[in-house]
Amino acid sequence: MDKLLTTERAAMGSRPAKIVFLVAAMMFFAVLALDIAVPALVLSAMALSNWLVLSTEATQYPRRRGTA
């Protein structure tokens, strides 16, 4: 019976190994979320700055026909 219990424990893994795996998985998915969030914030900041520059009245120049 003792041999059966030890093989079941070995198959399921020890508690410290489960905790290490859980922490590693949490770190992986946290970094994965940052890989999505940081570029989204940068693109949002770029779009906002573009909108601010283009929406000001001082930067709108008069257009003339026939000039390049």
N, C-alpha and C. Protein backbone atom coordinates (compact mmCIF):
# COMPACT_ATOMS: atom_id res chain seq x y z
N MET A 1 0.82 -1.20 0.00
CA MET A 1 0.00 0.00 0.00
C MET A 1 0.86 1.26 0.00
N ASP A 2 1.97 1.22 0.74
CA ASP A 2 2.86 2.38 0.77
C ASP A 2 3.46 2.66 -0.61
N LYS A 3 3.73 1.59 -1.35
CA LYS A 3 4.29 1.78 -2.68
C LYS A 3 3.27 2.46 -3.60
N LEU A 4 2.00 2.13 -3.45
CA LEU A 4 0.95 2.74 -4.24
C LEU A 4 0.84 4.23 -3.94
N LEU A 5 0.93 4.60 -2.67
CA LEU A 5 0.85 6.02 -2.29
C LEU A 5 2.02 6.82 -2.84
N THR A 6 3.20 6.24 -2.82
CA THR A 6 4.36 6.98 -3.33
C THR A 6 4.29 7.16 -4.84
N THR A 7 3.75 6.18 -5.56
CA THR A 7 3.64 6.35 -7.01
C THR A 7 2.57 7.37 -7.35
N GLU A 8 1.51 7.45 -6.59
CA GLU A 8 0.49 8.47 -6.84
C GLU A 8 1.04 9.86 -6.57
N ARG A 9 1.81 10.00 -5.52
CA ARG A 9 2.41 11.31 -5.22
C ARG A 9 3.39 11.72 -6.30
N ALA A 10 4.16 10.77 -6.79
CA ALA A 10 5.14 11.08 -7.83
C ALA A 10 4.43 11.50 -9.12
N ALA A 11 3.30 10.88 -9.39
CA ALA A 11 2.58 11.21 -10.62
C ALA A 11 1.94 12.58 -10.52
N MET A 12 1.47 12.96 -9.35
CA MET A 12 0.79 14.24 -9.20
C MET A 12 1.77 15.39 -9.01
N GLY A 13 2.96 15.12 -8.59
CA GLY A 13 3.93 16.18 -8.35
C GLY A 13 3.89 16.66 -6.92
N SER A 14 4.99 17.22 -6.49
CA SER A 14 5.05 17.69 -5.11
C SER A 14 4.46 19.09 -5.02
N ARG A 15 4.12 19.47 -3.82
CA ARG A 15 3.49 20.78 -3.61
C ARG A 15 4.42 21.93 -4.00
N PRO A 16 5.71 21.92 -3.63
CA PRO A 16 6.58 23.02 -4.08
C PRO A 16 6.71 23.11 -5.61
N ALA A 17 6.70 21.96 -6.27
CA ALA A 17 6.78 21.99 -7.74
C ALA A 17 5.52 22.61 -8.34
N LYS A 18 4.36 22.32 -7.74
CA LYS A 18 3.12 22.93 -8.22
C LYS A 18 3.14 24.43 -8.02
N ILE A 19 3.66 24.87 -6.89
CA ILE A 19 3.71 26.31 -6.61
C ILE A 19 4.66 27.00 -7.58
N VAL A 20 5.80 26.37 -7.85
CA VAL A 20 6.76 26.95 -8.80
C VAL A 20 6.13 27.03 -10.19
N PHE A 21 5.43 25.98 -10.60
CA PHE A 21 4.76 26.00 -11.91
C PHE A 21 3.69 27.08 -11.96
N LEU A 22 2.93 27.24 -10.87
CA LEU A 22 1.89 28.26 -10.82
C LEU A 22 2.49 29.66 -10.95
N VAL A 23 3.57 29.92 -10.23
CA VAL A 23 4.21 31.24 -10.29
C VAL A 23 4.78 31.49 -11.70
N ALA A 24 5.38 30.47 -12.29
CA ALA A 24 5.93 30.62 -13.64
C ALA A 24 4.81 30.90 -14.65
N ALA A 25 3.69 30.20 -14.52
CA ALA A 25 2.57 30.43 -15.43
C ALA A 25 1.99 31.83 -15.24
N MET A 26 1.89 32.28 -13.99
CA MET A 26 1.37 33.63 -13.74
C MET A 26 2.29 34.68 -14.34
N MET A 27 3.61 34.49 -14.20
CA MET A 27 4.55 35.45 -14.78
C MET A 27 4.46 35.46 -16.30
N PHE A 28 4.31 34.28 -16.90
CA PHE A 28 4.21 34.20 -18.36
C PHE A 28 2.99 34.96 -18.86
N PHE A 29 1.84 34.74 -18.25
CA PHE A 29 0.63 35.39 -18.74
C PHE A 29 0.61 36.88 -18.39
N ALA A 30 1.28 37.28 -17.30
CA ALA A 30 1.37 38.71 -16.98
C ALA A 30 2.22 39.42 -18.04
N VAL A 31 3.33 38.82 -18.43
CA VAL A 31 4.18 39.41 -19.47
C VAL A 31 3.45 39.41 -20.81
N LEU A 32 2.69 38.38 -21.08
CA LEU A 32 1.92 38.33 -22.32
C LEU A 32 0.90 39.47 -22.38
N ALA A 33 0.27 39.77 -21.26
CA ALA A 33 -0.67 40.88 -21.22
C ALA A 33 0.05 42.21 -21.43
N LEU A 34 1.25 42.35 -20.86
CA LEU A 34 2.01 43.58 -21.07
C LEU A 34 2.45 43.73 -22.52
N ASP A 35 2.74 42.62 -23.18
CA ASP A 35 3.12 42.69 -24.60
C ASP A 35 1.99 43.23 -25.46
N ILE A 36 0.77 43.11 -25.00
CA ILE A 36 -0.37 43.65 -25.74
C ILE A 36 -0.69 45.06 -25.28
N ALA A 37 -0.60 45.32 -23.99
CA ALA A 37 -1.04 46.60 -23.43
C ALA A 37 -0.08 47.75 -23.76
N VAL A 38 1.21 47.50 -23.71
CA VAL A 38 2.18 48.59 -23.93
C VAL A 38 2.10 49.13 -25.36
N PRO A 39 2.12 48.29 -26.41
CA PRO A 39 1.96 48.86 -27.75
C PRO A 39 0.62 49.55 -27.96
N ALA A 40 -0.43 49.05 -27.31
CA ALA A 40 -1.73 49.71 -27.43
C ALA A 40 -1.68 51.10 -26.82
N LEU A 41 -1.01 51.26 -25.69
CA LEU A 41 -0.88 52.58 -25.07
C LEU A 41 -0.04 53.51 -25.93
N VAL A 42 1.03 52.99 -26.51
CA VAL A 42 1.89 53.81 -27.37
C VAL A 42 1.12 54.27 -28.61
N LEU A 43 0.39 53.35 -29.23
CA LEU A 43 -0.39 53.74 -30.41
C LEU A 43 -1.49 54.73 -30.06
N SER A 44 -2.09 54.58 -28.89
CA SER A 44 -3.11 55.55 -28.47
C SER A 44 -2.50 56.92 -28.24
N ALA A 45 -1.32 56.97 -27.64
CA ALA A 45 -0.65 58.25 -27.43
C ALA A 45 -0.27 58.90 -28.76
N MET A 46 0.18 58.09 -29.71
CA MET A 46 0.52 58.64 -31.02
C MET A 46 -0.72 59.17 -31.74
N ALA A 47 -1.82 58.46 -31.66
CA ALA A 47 -3.06 58.92 -32.29
C ALA A 47 -3.56 60.21 -31.64
N LEU A 48 -3.45 60.29 -30.32
CA LEU A 48 -3.87 61.51 -29.62
C LEU A 48 -3.00 62.69 -30.00
N SER A 49 -1.68 62.49 -30.07
CA SER A 49 -0.80 63.59 -30.45
C SER A 49 -1.05 64.02 -31.90
N ASN A 50 -1.30 63.06 -32.78
CA ASN A 50 -1.62 63.38 -34.17
C ASN A 50 -2.90 64.19 -34.25
N TRP A 51 -3.92 63.80 -33.50
CA TRP A 51 -5.18 64.53 -33.48
C TRP A 51 -4.99 65.94 -32.93
N LEU A 52 -4.17 66.07 -31.88
CA LEU A 52 -3.94 67.40 -31.30
C LEU A 52 -3.23 68.32 -32.29
N VAL A 53 -2.26 67.79 -33.00
CA VAL A 53 -1.51 68.61 -33.97
C VAL A 53 -2.41 69.00 -35.14
N LEU A 54 -3.19 68.07 -35.64
CA LEU A 54 -4.02 68.35 -36.80
C LEU A 54 -5.26 69.17 -36.47
N SER A 55 -5.67 69.21 -35.22
CA SER A 55 -6.89 69.92 -34.88
C SER A 55 -6.65 71.39 -34.53
N THR A 56 -5.40 71.81 -34.41
CA THR A 56 -5.14 73.22 -34.09
C THR A 56 -5.33 74.07 -35.34
N GLU A 57 -5.79 75.28 -35.15
CA GLU A 57 -6.06 76.19 -36.28
C GLU A 57 -4.78 76.75 -36.88
N ALA A 58 -3.70 76.85 -36.12
CA ALA A 58 -2.47 77.49 -36.60
C ALA A 58 -1.78 76.66 -37.68
N THR A 59 -2.01 75.37 -37.72
CA THR A 59 -1.29 74.54 -38.69
C THR A 59 -2.05 74.36 -39.99
N GLN A 60 -3.22 74.94 -40.13
CA GLN A 60 -3.97 74.79 -41.37
C GLN A 60 -3.58 75.92 -42.33
N TYR A 61 -2.89 75.53 -43.38
CA TYR A 61 -2.41 76.49 -44.36
C TYR A 61 -3.42 76.59 -45.51
N PRO A 62 -3.51 77.76 -46.13
CA PRO A 62 -4.42 77.89 -47.28
C PRO A 62 -3.90 77.08 -48.46
N ARG A 63 -4.79 76.43 -49.16
CA ARG A 63 -4.41 75.62 -50.32
C ARG A 63 -4.58 76.44 -51.59
N ARG A 64 -3.64 76.27 -52.50
CA ARG A 64 -3.70 76.96 -53.78
C ARG A 64 -3.80 75.93 -54.88
N ARG A 65 -4.61 76.23 -55.88
CA ARG A 65 -4.73 75.31 -57.00
C ARG A 65 -3.53 75.42 -57.93
N GLY A 66 -3.09 74.27 -58.40
CA GLY A 66 -2.03 74.26 -59.40
C GLY A 66 -0.62 74.30 -58.83
N THR A 67 -0.45 74.33 -57.54
CA THR A 67 0.91 74.33 -56.98
C THR A 67 1.19 72.96 -56.38
N ALA A 68 2.45 72.59 -56.45
CA ALA A 68 2.84 71.28 -55.92
C ALA A 68 3.41 71.42 -54.54
